[in-house]
Amino acid sequence: MPFTEICIYQVKPHKVEEFEALMLEVKSFLEKQEGLLLLRLIKRGYRIDMEQIREGLSPRPITRVVKSVKYMLYWEFDTKESYGIAQKNLYDSYWKSIEKCLVVPHDKYLGERLF
């Protein structure tokens, strides 16, 4: 059963360019990890409220940064074991550089894919 992680990064506003450049480098590294099935990085750029949902309206763009710029990394592996090895490889290579760009340590949400 595929194993997934969603990682939430809260990036310091003045570190956005550095973070995005670093993550392009990380992408090339991560794509070489054994067992990787899917890799996506998303930058939060929109919001939606209940009124918009009820009316079927499009999300509104976020127009200002308050504390941080948020990113979500989604990656999926064939097994938990492949994921664990990839985490160690990431930790040994890019972890400290990523952490220097963040307001707070990143959050990880782990689980097996249901569908």
PDB file of N, CA and C in Angstrom:
ATOM      1  N   MET A   1       0.849  -1.179   0.000  1.00  0.00           N
ATOM      2  CA  MET A   1       0.000   0.000   0.000  1.00  0.00           C
ATOM      3  C   MET A   1       0.896   1.245   0.000  1.00  0.00           C
ATOM      4  N   PRO A   2       0.672   2.182  -0.901  1.00  0.00           N
ATOM      5  CA  PRO A   2       1.503   3.393  -0.958  1.00  0.00           C
ATOM      6  C   PRO A   2       1.484   4.185   0.346  1.00  0.00           C
ATOM      7  N   PHE A   3       2.634   4.743   0.690  1.00  0.00           N
ATOM      8  CA  PHE A   3       2.807   5.518   1.915  1.00  0.00           C
ATOM      9  C   PHE A   3       3.065   6.966   1.537  1.00  0.00           C
ATOM     10  N   THR A   4       2.378   7.891   2.208  1.00  0.00           N
ATOM     11  CA  THR A   4       2.465   9.307   1.824  1.00  0.00           C
ATOM     12  C   THR A   4       2.838  10.202   3.004  1.00  0.00           C
ATOM     13  N   GLU A   5       3.375  11.351   2.631  1.00  0.00           N
ATOM     14  CA  GLU A   5       3.641  12.422   3.586  1.00  0.00           C
ATOM     15  C   GLU A   5       3.169  13.719   2.967  1.00  0.00           C
ATOM     16  N   ILE A   6       2.517  14.526   3.788  1.00  0.00           N
ATOM     17  CA  ILE A   6       2.250  15.914   3.445  1.00  0.00           C
ATOM     18  C   ILE A   6       3.031  16.736   4.461  1.00  0.00           C
ATOM     19  N   CYS A   7       3.895  17.587   3.965  1.00  0.00           N
ATOM     20  CA  CYS A   7       4.755  18.392   4.820  1.00  0.00           C
ATOM     21  C   CYS A   7       4.378  19.863   4.617  1.00  0.00           C
ATOM     22  N   ILE A   8       4.132  20.566   5.702  1.00  0.00           N
ATOM     23  CA  ILE A   8       3.754  21.977   5.645  1.00  0.00           C
ATOM     24  C   ILE A   8       4.961  22.817   6.051  1.00  0.00           C
ATOM     25  N   TYR A   9       5.368  23.687   5.147  1.00  0.00           N
ATOM     26  CA  TYR A   9       6.476  24.600   5.402  1.00  0.00           C
ATOM     27  C   TYR A   9       5.933  26.020   5.543  1.00  0.00           C
ATOM     28  N   GLN A  10       6.318  26.731   6.598  1.00  0.00           N
ATOM     29  CA  GLN A  10       5.985  28.137   6.781  1.00  0.00           C
ATOM     30  C   GLN A  10       7.280  28.924   6.587  1.00  0.00           C
ATOM     31  N   VAL A  11       7.409  29.529   5.419  1.00  0.00           N
ATOM     32  CA  VAL A  11       8.660  30.155   5.002  1.00  0.00           C
ATOM     33  C   VAL A  11       8.664  31.642   5.363  1.00  0.00           C
ATOM     34  N   LYS A  12       9.802  32.089   5.886  1.00  0.00           N
ATOM     35  CA  LYS A  12       9.980  33.511   6.185  1.00  0.00           C
ATOM     36  C   LYS A  12       9.804  34.302   4.888  1.00  0.00           C
ATOM     37  N   PRO A  13       9.048  35.395   4.906  1.00  0.00           N
ATOM     38  CA  PRO A  13       8.806  36.148   3.673  1.00  0.00           C
ATOM     39  C   PRO A  13      10.077  36.559   2.932  1.00  0.00           C
ATOM     40  N   HIS A  14      11.121  36.925   3.627  1.00  0.00           N
ATOM     41  CA  HIS A  14      12.355  37.349   2.960  1.00  0.00           C
ATOM     42  C   HIS A  14      13.207  36.164   2.488  1.00  0.00           C
ATOM     43  N   LYS A  15      12.736  34.924   2.738  1.00  0.00           N
ATOM     44  CA  LYS A  15      13.472  33.726   2.321  1.00  0.00           C
ATOM     45  C   LYS A  15      12.753  32.952   1.211  1.00  0.00           C
ATOM     46  N   VAL A  16      11.675  33.513   0.656  1.00  0.00           N
ATOM     47  CA  VAL A  16      10.879  32.811  -0.349  1.00  0.00           C
ATOM     48  C   VAL A  16      11.705  32.436  -1.578  1.00  0.00           C
ATOM     49  N   GLU A  17      12.442  33.378  -2.132  1.00  0.00           N
ATOM     50  CA  GLU A  17      13.240  33.078  -3.332  1.00  0.00           C
ATOM     51  C   GLU A  17      14.291  32.015  -3.036  1.00  0.00           C
ATOM     52  N   GLU A  18      14.948  32.136  -1.907  1.00  0.00           N
ATOM     53  CA  GLU A  18      15.952  31.148  -1.520  1.00  0.00           C
ATOM     54  C   GLU A  18      15.322  29.762  -1.349  1.00  0.00           C
ATOM     55  N   PHE A  19      14.156  29.708  -0.687  1.00  0.00           N
ATOM     56  CA  PHE A  19      13.456  28.443  -0.467  1.00  0.00           C
ATOM     57  C   PHE A  19      13.044  27.801  -1.791  1.00  0.00           C
ATOM     58  N   GLU A  20      12.464  28.587  -2.687  1.00  0.00           N
ATOM     59  CA  GLU A  20      12.010  28.034  -3.961  1.00  0.00           C
ATOM     60  C   GLU A  20      13.185  27.529  -4.800  1.00  0.00           C
ATOM     61  N   ALA A  21      14.296  28.252  -4.801  1.00  0.00           N
ATOM     62  CA  ALA A  21      15.489  27.795  -5.526  1.00  0.00           C
ATOM     63  C   ALA A  21      16.021  26.508  -4.907  1.00  0.00           C
ATOM     64  N   LEU A  22      16.053  26.458  -3.596  1.00  0.00           N
ATOM     65  CA  LEU A  22      16.511  25.260  -2.895  1.00  0.00           C
ATOM     66  C   LEU A  22      15.607  24.070  -3.196  1.00  0.00           C
ATOM     67  N   MET A  23      14.299  24.291  -3.196  1.00  0.00           N
ATOM     68  CA  MET A  23      13.363  23.192  -3.442  1.00  0.00           C
ATOM     69  C   MET A  23      13.448  22.670  -4.875  1.00  0.00           C
ATOM     70  N   LEU A  24      13.842  23.506  -5.823  1.00  0.00           N
ATOM     71  CA  LEU A  24      14.087  23.001  -7.189  1.00  0.00           C
ATOM     72  C   LEU A  24      15.261  22.032  -7.181  1.00  0.00           C
ATOM     73  N   GLU A  25      16.272  22.359  -6.422  1.00  0.00           N
ATOM     74  CA  GLU A  25      17.423  21.467  -6.272  1.00  0.00           C
ATOM     75  C   GLU A  25      17.008  20.186  -5.540  1.00  0.00           C
ATOM     76  N   VAL A  26      16.215  20.339  -4.491  1.00  0.00           N
ATOM     77  CA  VAL A  26      15.724  19.195  -3.723  1.00  0.00           C
ATOM     78  C   VAL A  26      14.873  18.291  -4.600  1.00  0.00           C
ATOM     79  N   LYS A  27      14.083  18.878  -5.483  1.00  0.00           N
ATOM     80  CA  LYS A  27      13.223  18.096  -6.384  1.00  0.00           C
ATOM     81  C   LYS A  27      14.048  17.106  -7.197  1.00  0.00           C
ATOM     82  N   SER A  28      15.123  17.583  -7.780  1.00  0.00           N
ATOM     83  CA  SER A  28      15.988  16.699  -8.573  1.00  0.00           C
ATOM     84  C   SER A  28      16.539  15.571  -7.708  1.00  0.00           C
ATOM     85  N   PHE A  29      16.913  15.899  -6.483  1.00  0.00           N
ATOM     86  CA  PHE A  29      17.436  14.902  -5.544  1.00  0.00           C
ATOM     87  C   PHE A  29      16.350  13.891  -5.167  1.00  0.00           C
ATOM     88  N   LEU A  30      15.164  14.388  -4.834  1.00  0.00           N
ATOM     89  CA  LEU A  30      14.090  13.505  -4.385  1.00  0.00           C
ATOM     90  C   LEU A  30      13.590  12.586  -5.494  1.00  0.00           C
ATOM     91  N   GLU A  31      13.580  13.068  -6.705  1.00  0.00           N
ATOM     92  CA  GLU A  31      13.102  12.248  -7.819  1.00  0.00           C
ATOM     93  C   GLU A  31      13.980  11.016  -8.052  1.00  0.00           C
ATOM     94  N   LYS A  32      15.168  11.020  -7.503  1.00  0.00           N
ATOM     95  CA  LYS A  32      16.082   9.880  -7.642  1.00  0.00           C
ATOM     96  C   LYS A  32      15.920   8.856  -6.518  1.00  0.00           C
ATOM     97  N   GLN A  33      15.047   9.136  -5.559  1.00  0.00           N
ATOM     98  CA  GLN A  33      14.884   8.229  -4.423  1.00  0.00           C
ATOM     99  C   GLN A  33      14.124   6.977  -4.836  1.00  0.00           C
ATOM    100  N   GLU A  34      14.632   5.840  -4.399  1.00  0.00           N
ATOM    101  CA  GLU A  34      14.021   4.560  -4.743  1.00  0.00           C
ATOM    102  C   GLU A  34      12.621   4.466  -4.146  1.00  0.00           C
ATOM    103  N   GLY A  35      11.674   4.027  -4.965  1.00  0.00           N
ATOM    104  CA  GLY A  35      10.308   3.830  -4.503  1.00  0.00           C
ATOM    105  C   GLY A  35       9.409   5.049  -4.586  1.00  0.00           C
ATOM    106  N   LEU A  36       9.951   6.193  -5.013  1.00  0.00           N
ATOM    107  CA  LEU A  36       9.126   7.401  -5.122  1.00  0.00           C
ATOM    108  C   LEU A  36       8.096   7.227  -6.236  1.00  0.00           C
ATOM    109  N   LEU A  37       6.841   7.467  -5.905  1.00  0.00           N
ATOM    110  CA  LEU A  37       5.763   7.342  -6.894  1.00  0.00           C
ATOM    111  C   LEU A  37       5.262   8.696  -7.369  1.00  0.00           C
ATOM    112  N   LEU A  38       5.227   9.693  -6.466  1.00  0.00           N
ATOM    113  CA  LEU A  38       4.668  10.997  -6.819  1.00  0.00           C
ATOM    114  C   LEU A  38       5.289  12.060  -5.927  1.00  0.00           C
ATOM    115  N   LEU A  39       5.551  13.218  -6.516  1.00  0.00           N
ATOM    116  CA  LEU A  39       6.148  14.336  -5.789  1.00  0.00           C
ATOM    117  C   LEU A  39       5.511  15.626  -6.273  1.00  0.00           C
ATOM    118  N   ARG A  40       4.988  16.431  -5.338  1.00  0.00           N
ATOM    119  CA  ARG A  40       4.377  17.712  -5.683  1.00  0.00           C
ATOM    120  C   ARG A  40       4.743  18.741  -4.619  1.00  0.00           C
ATOM    121  N   LEU A  41       5.026  19.975  -5.040  1.00  0.00           N
ATOM    122  CA  LEU A  41       5.202  21.100  -4.129  1.00  0.00           C
ATOM    123  C   LEU A  41       4.187  22.163  -4.524  1.00  0.00           C
ATOM    124  N   ILE A  42       3.425  22.623  -3.553  1.00  0.00           N
ATOM    125  CA  ILE A  42       2.348  23.579  -3.801  1.00  0.00           C
ATOM    126  C   ILE A  42       2.601  24.817  -2.949  1.00  0.00           C
ATOM    127  N   LYS A  43       2.451  25.982  -3.543  1.00  0.00           N
ATOM    128  CA  LYS A  43       2.554  27.233  -2.810  1.00  0.00           C
ATOM    129  C   LYS A  43       1.134  27.739  -2.575  1.00  0.00           C
ATOM    130  N   ARG A  44       0.813  27.994  -1.320  1.00  0.00           N
ATOM    131  CA  ARG A  44      -0.523  28.497  -1.008  1.00  0.00           C
ATOM    132  C   ARG A  44      -0.655  29.906  -1.556  1.00  0.00           C
ATOM    133  N   GLY A  45      -1.634  30.096  -2.440  1.00  0.00           N
ATOM    134  CA  GLY A  45      -1.816  31.390  -3.055  1.00  0.00           C
ATOM    135  C   GLY A  45      -3.256  31.867  -3.067  1.00  0.00           C
ATOM    136  N   TYR A  46      -4.170  31.034  -2.520  1.00  0.00           N
ATOM    137  CA  TYR A  46      -5.594  31.356  -2.563  1.00  0.00           C
ATOM    138  C   TYR A  46      -6.251  30.986  -1.243  1.00  0.00           C
ATOM    139  N   ARG A  47      -7.432  31.547  -1.047  1.00  0.00           N
ATOM    140  CA  ARG A  47      -8.265  31.192   0.100  1.00  0.00           C
ATOM    141  C   ARG A  47      -9.711  31.135  -0.372  1.00  0.00           C
ATOM    142  N   ILE A  48     -10.537  30.439   0.396  1.00  0.00           N
ATOM    143  CA  ILE A  48     -11.958  30.341   0.054  1.00  0.00           C
ATOM    144  C   ILE A  48     -12.750  30.307   1.357  1.00  0.00           C
ATOM    145  N   ASP A  49     -13.878  31.010   1.371  1.00  0.00           N
ATOM    146  CA  ASP A  49     -14.725  31.006   2.563  1.00  0.00           C
ATOM    147  C   ASP A  49     -16.069  30.365   2.229  1.00  0.00           C
ATOM    148  N   MET A  50     -16.898  30.190   3.241  1.00  0.00           N
ATOM    149  CA  MET A  50     -18.175  29.493   3.053  1.00  0.00           C
ATOM    150  C   MET A  50     -19.090  30.192   2.059  1.00  0.00           C
ATOM    151  N   GLU A  51     -19.092  31.506   2.039  1.00  0.00           N
ATOM    152  CA  GLU A  51     -19.938  32.241   1.087  1.00  0.00           C
ATOM    153  C   GLU A  51     -19.531  31.897  -0.356  1.00  0.00           C
ATOM    154  N   GLN A  52     -18.248  31.878  -0.601  1.00  0.00           N
ATOM    155  CA  GLN A  52     -17.766  31.533  -1.944  1.00  0.00           C
ATOM    156  C   GLN A  52     -18.140  30.094  -2.297  1.00  0.00           C
ATOM    157  N   ILE A  53     -18.033  29.202  -1.325  1.00  0.00           N
ATOM    158  CA  ILE A  53     -18.388  27.802  -1.574  1.00  0.00           C
ATOM    159  C   ILE A  53     -19.873  27.682  -1.880  1.00  0.00           C
ATOM    160  N   ARG A  54     -20.710  28.311  -1.072  1.00  0.00           N
ATOM    161  CA  ARG A  54     -22.169  28.239  -1.294  1.00  0.00           C
ATOM    162  C   ARG A  54     -22.568  28.795  -2.650  1.00  0.00           C
ATOM    163  N   GLU A  55     -21.868  29.840  -3.088  1.00  0.00           N
ATOM    164  CA  GLU A  55     -22.184  30.490  -4.353  1.00  0.00           C
ATOM    165  C   GLU A  55     -21.465  29.850  -5.544  1.00  0.00           C
ATOM    166  N   GLY A  56     -20.561  28.931  -5.286  1.00  0.00           N
ATOM    167  CA  GLY A  56     -19.812  28.297  -6.370  1.00  0.00           C
ATOM    168  C   GLY A  56     -18.793  29.236  -7.007  1.00  0.00           C
ATOM    169  N   LEU A  57     -18.268  30.158  -6.210  1.00  0.00           N
ATOM    170  CA  LEU A  57     -17.314  31.140  -6.721  1.00  0.00           C
ATOM    171  C   LEU A  57     -15.885  30.614  -6.648  1.00  0.00           C
ATOM    172  N   SER A  58     -15.035  31.210  -7.433  1.00  0.00           N
ATOM    173  CA  SER A  58     -13.618  30.852  -7.436  1.00  0.00           C
ATOM    174  C   SER A  58     -12.952  31.311  -6.144  1.00  0.00           C
ATOM    175  N   PRO A  59     -11.879  30.635  -5.754  1.00  0.00           N
ATOM    176  CA  PRO A  59     -11.114  31.104  -4.592  1.00  0.00           C
ATOM    177  C   PRO A  59     -10.521  32.481  -4.856  1.00  0.00           C
ATOM    178  N   ARG A  60     -10.291  33.227  -3.784  1.00  0.00           N
ATOM    179  CA  ARG A  60      -9.688  34.557  -3.892  1.00  0.00           C
ATOM    180  C   ARG A  60      -8.181  34.451  -3.704  1.00  0.00           C
ATOM    181  N   PRO A  61      -7.423  35.222  -4.467  1.00  0.00           N
ATOM    182  CA  PRO A  61      -5.975  35.216  -4.257  1.00  0.00           C
ATOM    183  C   PRO A  61      -5.608  35.832  -2.911  1.00  0.00           C
ATOM    184  N   ILE A  62      -4.561  35.316  -2.304  1.00  0.00           N
ATOM    185  CA  ILE A  62      -4.021  35.912  -1.086  1.00  0.00           C
ATOM    186  C   ILE A  62      -3.195  37.110  -1.526  1.00  0.00           C
ATOM    187  N   THR A  63      -3.479  38.266  -0.948  1.00  0.00           N
ATOM    188  CA  THR A  63      -2.844  39.498  -1.422  1.00  0.00           C
ATOM    189  C   THR A  63      -1.754  40.036  -0.507  1.00  0.00           C
ATOM    190  N   ARG A  64      -1.651  39.502   0.712  1.00  0.00           N
ATOM    191  CA  ARG A  64      -0.589  39.979   1.593  1.00  0.00           C
ATOM    192  C   ARG A  64      -0.084  38.834   2.459  1.00  0.00           C
ATOM    193  N   VAL A  65       1.149  38.947   2.852  1.00  0.00           N
ATOM    194  CA  VAL A  65       1.779  37.959   3.721  1.00  0.00           C
ATOM    195  C   VAL A  65       1.759  38.515   5.138  1.00  0.00           C
ATOM    196  N   VAL A  66       1.218  37.747   6.071  1.00  0.00           N
ATOM    197  CA  VAL A  66       1.155  38.205   7.452  1.00  0.00           C
ATOM    198  C   VAL A  66       2.391  37.735   8.220  1.00  0.00           C
ATOM    199  N   LYS A  67       2.599  36.438   8.297  1.00  0.00           N
ATOM    200  CA  LYS A  67       3.705  35.894   9.082  1.00  0.00           C
ATOM    201  C   LYS A  67       4.644  35.046   8.230  1.00  0.00           C
ATOM    202  N   SER A  68       4.065  34.298   7.292  1.00  0.00           N
ATOM    203  CA  SER A  68       4.863  33.378   6.496  1.00  0.00           C
ATOM    204  C   SER A  68       4.158  33.073   5.179  1.00  0.00           C
ATOM    205  N   VAL A  69       4.922  32.499   4.257  1.00  0.00           N
ATOM    206  CA  VAL A  69       4.374  31.990   3.006  1.00  0.00           C
ATOM    207  C   VAL A  69       4.338  30.476   3.168  1.00  0.00           C
ATOM    208  N   LYS A  70       3.180  29.879   2.921  1.00  0.00           N
ATOM    209  CA  LYS A  70       3.024  28.452   3.181  1.00  0.00           C
ATOM    210  C   LYS A  70       3.179  27.621   1.905  1.00  0.00           C
ATOM    211  N   TYR A  71       3.852  26.494   2.095  1.00  0.00           N
ATOM    212  CA  TYR A  71       4.059  25.518   1.026  1.00  0.00           C
ATOM    213  C   TYR A  71       3.664  24.148   1.558  1.00  0.00           C
ATOM    214  N   MET A  72       3.172  23.301   0.666  1.00  0.00           N
ATOM    215  CA  MET A  72       2.849  21.926   1.001  1.00  0.00           C
ATOM    216  C   MET A  72       3.634  21.019   0.063  1.00  0.00           C
ATOM    217  N   LEU A  73       4.401  20.116   0.654  1.00  0.00           N
ATOM    218  CA  LEU A  73       5.112  19.105  -0.119  1.00  0.00           C
ATOM    219  C   LEU A  73       4.354  17.805   0.046  1.00  0.00           C
ATOM    220  N   TYR A  74       3.973  17.204  -1.082  1.00  0.00           N
ATOM    221  CA  TYR A  74       3.287  15.911  -1.067  1.00  0.00           C
ATOM    222  C   TYR A  74       4.187  14.923  -1.782  1.00  0.00           C
ATOM    223  N   TRP A  75       4.551  13.849  -1.080  1.00  0.00           N
ATOM    224  CA  TRP A  75       5.298  12.801  -1.749  1.00  0.00           C
ATOM    225  C   TRP A  75       4.784  11.452  -1.325  1.00  0.00           C
ATOM    226  N   GLU A  76       4.856  10.521  -2.258  1.00  0.00           N
ATOM    227  CA  GLU A  76       4.262   9.208  -2.063  1.00  0.00           C
ATOM    228  C   GLU A  76       5.279   8.145  -2.465  1.00  0.00           C
ATOM    229  N   PHE A  77       5.365   7.100  -1.663  1.00  0.00           N
ATOM    230  CA  PHE A  77       6.318   6.013  -1.889  1.00  0.00           C
ATOM    231  C   PHE A  77       5.604   4.675  -1.964  1.00  0.00           C
ATOM    232  N   ASP A  78       6.295   3.705  -2.549  1.00  0.00           N
ATOM    233  CA  ASP A  78       5.728   2.362  -2.659  1.00  0.00           C
ATOM    234  C   ASP A  78       5.601   1.683  -1.295  1.00  0.00           C
ATOM    235  N   THR A  79       6.509   1.986  -0.354  1.00  0.00           N
ATOM    236  CA  THR A  79       6.472   1.372   0.979  1.00  0.00           C
ATOM    237  C   THR A  79       6.935   2.367   2.043  1.00  0.00           C
ATOM    238  N   LYS A  80       6.635   2.053   3.313  1.00  0.00           N
ATOM    239  CA  LYS A  80       7.128   2.852   4.429  1.00  0.00           C
ATOM    240  C   LYS A  80       8.650   2.785   4.510  1.00  0.00           C
ATOM    241  N   GLU A  81       9.208   1.656   4.150  1.00  0.00           N
ATOM    242  CA  GLU A  81      10.658   1.482   4.197  1.00  0.00           C
ATOM    243  C   GLU A  81      11.359   2.400   3.200  1.00  0.00           C
ATOM    244  N   SER A  82      10.833   2.484   1.978  1.00  0.00           N
ATOM    245  CA  SER A  82      11.406   3.401   0.981  1.00  0.00           C
ATOM    246  C   SER A  82      11.301   4.844   1.453  1.00  0.00           C
ATOM    247  N   TYR A  83      10.157   5.179   2.059  1.00  0.00           N
ATOM    248  CA  TYR A  83       9.966   6.519   2.612  1.00  0.00           C
ATOM    249  C   TYR A  83      11.016   6.818   3.687  1.00  0.00           C
ATOM    250  N   GLY A  84      11.227   5.872   4.589  1.00  0.00           N
ATOM    251  CA  GLY A  84      12.186   6.063   5.671  1.00  0.00           C
ATOM    252  C   GLY A  84      13.590   6.316   5.160  1.00  0.00           C
ATOM    253  N   ILE A  85      14.012   5.565   4.150  1.00  0.00           N
ATOM    254  CA  ILE A  85      15.343   5.762   3.560  1.00  0.00           C
ATOM    255  C   ILE A  85      15.439   7.131   2.902  1.00  0.00           C
ATOM    256  N   ALA A  86      14.386   7.533   2.183  1.00  0.00           N
ATOM    257  CA  ALA A  86      14.381   8.844   1.524  1.00  0.00           C
ATOM    258  C   ALA A  86      14.439   9.967   2.559  1.00  0.00           C
ATOM    259  N   GLN A  87      13.748   9.797   3.692  1.00  0.00           N
ATOM    260  CA  GLN A  87      13.795  10.810   4.753  1.00  0.00           C
ATOM    261  C   GLN A  87      15.216  10.972   5.284  1.00  0.00           C
ATOM    262  N   LYS A  88      15.881   9.859   5.510  1.00  0.00           N
ATOM    263  CA  LYS A  88      17.264   9.919   5.990  1.00  0.00           C
ATOM    264  C   LYS A  88      18.151  10.615   4.967  1.00  0.00           C
ATOM    265  N   ASN A  89      17.976  10.286   3.698  1.00  0.00           N
ATOM    266  CA  ASN A  89      18.771  10.914   2.638  1.00  0.00           C
ATOM    267  C   ASN A  89      18.528  12.425   2.591  1.00  0.00           C
ATOM    268  N   LEU A  90      17.275  12.820   2.741  1.00  0.00           N
ATOM    269  CA  LEU A  90      16.948  14.252   2.764  1.00  0.00           C
ATOM    270  C   LEU A  90      17.555  14.908   4.001  1.00  0.00           C
ATOM    271  N   TYR A  91      17.444  14.258   5.126  1.00  0.00           N
ATOM    272  CA  TYR A  91      17.992  14.789   6.373  1.00  0.00           C
ATOM    273  C   TYR A  91      19.504  14.991   6.268  1.00  0.00           C
ATOM    274  N   ASP A  92      20.185  14.021   5.678  1.00  0.00           N
ATOM    275  CA  ASP A  92      21.647  14.086   5.560  1.00  0.00           C
ATOM    276  C   ASP A  92      22.131  15.123   4.547  1.00  0.00           C
ATOM    277  N   SER A  93      21.243  15.614   3.694  1.00  0.00           N
ATOM    278  CA  SER A  93      21.702  16.504   2.619  1.00  0.00           C
ATOM    279  C   SER A  93      21.114  17.918   2.668  1.00  0.00           C
ATOM    280  N   TYR A  94      19.806  18.070   2.763  1.00  0.00           N
ATOM    281  CA  TYR A  94      19.172  19.390   2.595  1.00  0.00           C
ATOM    282  C   TYR A  94      18.434  19.909   3.823  1.00  0.00           C
ATOM    283  N   TRP A  95      18.262  19.088   4.812  1.00  0.00           N
ATOM    284  CA  TRP A  95      17.396  19.419   5.948  1.00  0.00           C
ATOM    285  C   TRP A  95      17.749  20.753   6.587  1.00  0.00           C
ATOM    286  N   LYS A  96      19.016  20.964   6.915  1.00  0.00           N
ATOM    287  CA  LYS A  96      19.423  22.194   7.605  1.00  0.00           C
ATOM    288  C   LYS A  96      19.190  23.430   6.747  1.00  0.00           C
ATOM    289  N   SER A  97      19.436  23.318   5.456  1.00  0.00           N
ATOM    290  CA  SER A  97      19.215  24.455   4.551  1.00  0.00           C
ATOM    291  C   SER A  97      17.735  24.813   4.470  1.00  0.00           C
ATOM    292  N   ILE A  98      16.883  23.800   4.451  1.00  0.00           N
ATOM    293  CA  ILE A  98      15.438  24.036   4.421  1.00  0.00           C
ATOM    294  C   ILE A  98      15.006  24.709   5.723  1.00  0.00           C
ATOM    295  N   GLU A  99      15.434  24.164   6.849  1.00  0.00           N
ATOM    296  CA  GLU A  99      15.027  24.678   8.162  1.00  0.00           C
ATOM    297  C   GLU A  99      15.404  26.146   8.348  1.00  0.00           C
ATOM    298  N   LYS A 100      16.515  26.590   7.763  1.00  0.00           N
ATOM    299  CA  LYS A 100      16.947  27.986   7.894  1.00  0.00           C
ATOM    300  C   LYS A 100      15.982  28.966   7.237  1.00  0.00           C
ATOM    301  N   CYS A 101      15.156  28.477   6.326  1.00  0.00           N
ATOM    302  CA  CYS A 101      14.190  29.330   5.630  1.00  0.00           C
ATOM    303  C   CYS A 101      12.853  29.434   6.362  1.00  0.00           C
ATOM    304  N   LEU A 102      12.663  28.651   7.412  1.00  0.00           N
ATOM    305  CA  LEU A 102      11.351  28.519   8.039  1.00  0.00           C
ATOM    306  C   LEU A 102      11.174  29.376   9.286  1.00  0.00           C
ATOM    307  N   VAL A 103       9.925  29.790   9.507  1.00  0.00           N
ATOM    308  CA  VAL A 103       9.539  30.526  10.705  1.00  0.00           C
ATOM    309  C   VAL A 103       9.505  29.567  11.901  1.00  0.00           C
ATOM    310  N   VAL A 104       8.924  28.401  11.697  1.00  0.00           N
ATOM    311  CA  VAL A 104       8.822  27.350  12.723  1.00  0.00           C
ATOM    312  C   VAL A 104       9.174  26.023  12.059  1.00  0.00           C
ATOM    313  N   PRO A 105       9.536  25.009  12.845  1.00  0.00           N
ATOM    314  CA  PRO A 105       9.797  23.700  12.231  1.00  0.00           C
ATOM    315  C   PRO A 105       8.580  23.210  11.449  1.00  0.00           C
ATOM    316  N   HIS A 106       8.840  22.484  10.375  1.00  0.00           N
ATOM    317  CA  HIS A 106       7.749  22.036   9.513  1.00  0.00           C
ATOM    318  C   HIS A 106       6.906  20.951  10.183  1.00  0.00           C
ATOM    319  N   ASP A 107       5.663  20.842   9.738  1.00  0.00           N
ATOM    320  CA  ASP A 107       4.740  19.805  10.202  1.00  0.00           C
ATOM    321  C   ASP A 107       4.720  18.673   9.195  1.00  0.00           C
ATOM    322  N   LYS A 108       4.629  17.445   9.695  1.00  0.00           N
ATOM    323  CA  LYS A 108       4.530  16.269   8.830  1.00  0.00           C
ATOM    324  C   LYS A 108       3.242  15.535   9.144  1.00  0.00           C
ATOM    325  N   TYR A 109       2.531  15.140   8.104  1.00  0.00           N
ATOM    326  CA  TYR A 109       1.334  14.318   8.209  1.00  0.00           C
ATOM    327  C   TYR A 109       1.597  13.071   7.392  1.00  0.00           C
ATOM    328  N   LEU A 110       1.580  11.912   8.042  1.00  0.00           N
ATOM    329  CA  LEU A 110       1.965  10.661   7.407  1.00  0.00           C
ATOM    330  C   LEU A 110       0.795   9.683   7.399  1.00  0.00           C
ATOM    331  N   GLY A 111       0.721   8.869   6.349  1.00  0.00           N
ATOM    332  CA  GLY A 111      -0.295   7.834   6.315  1.00  0.00           C
ATOM    333  C   GLY A 111      -0.258   7.034   5.035  1.00  0.00           C
ATOM    334  N   GLU A 112      -1.077   5.996   5.014  1.00  0.00           N
ATOM    335  CA  GLU A 112      -1.209   5.171   3.826  1.00  0.00           C
ATOM    336  C   GLU A 112      -2.343   5.720   2.970  1.00  0.00           C
ATOM    337  N   ARG A 113      -2.102   5.720   1.667  1.00  0.00           N
ATOM    338  CA  ARG A 113      -3.112   6.248   0.736  1.00  0.00           C
ATOM    339  C   ARG A 113      -4.339   5.342   0.732  1.00  0.00           C
ATOM    340  N   LEU A 114      -5.525   5.932   0.830  1.00  0.00           N
ATOM    341  CA  LEU A 114      -6.768   5.158   0.798  1.00  0.00           C
ATOM    342  C   LEU A 114      -7.310   4.994  -0.626  1.00  0.00           C
ATOM    343  N   PHE A 115      -7.180   6.011  -1.438  1.00  0.00           N
ATOM    344  CA  PHE A 115      -7.596   5.932  -2.853  1.00  0.00           C
ATOM    345  C   PHE A 115      -6.845   6.936  -3.657  1.00  0.00           C
TER     346      PHE A 115
END
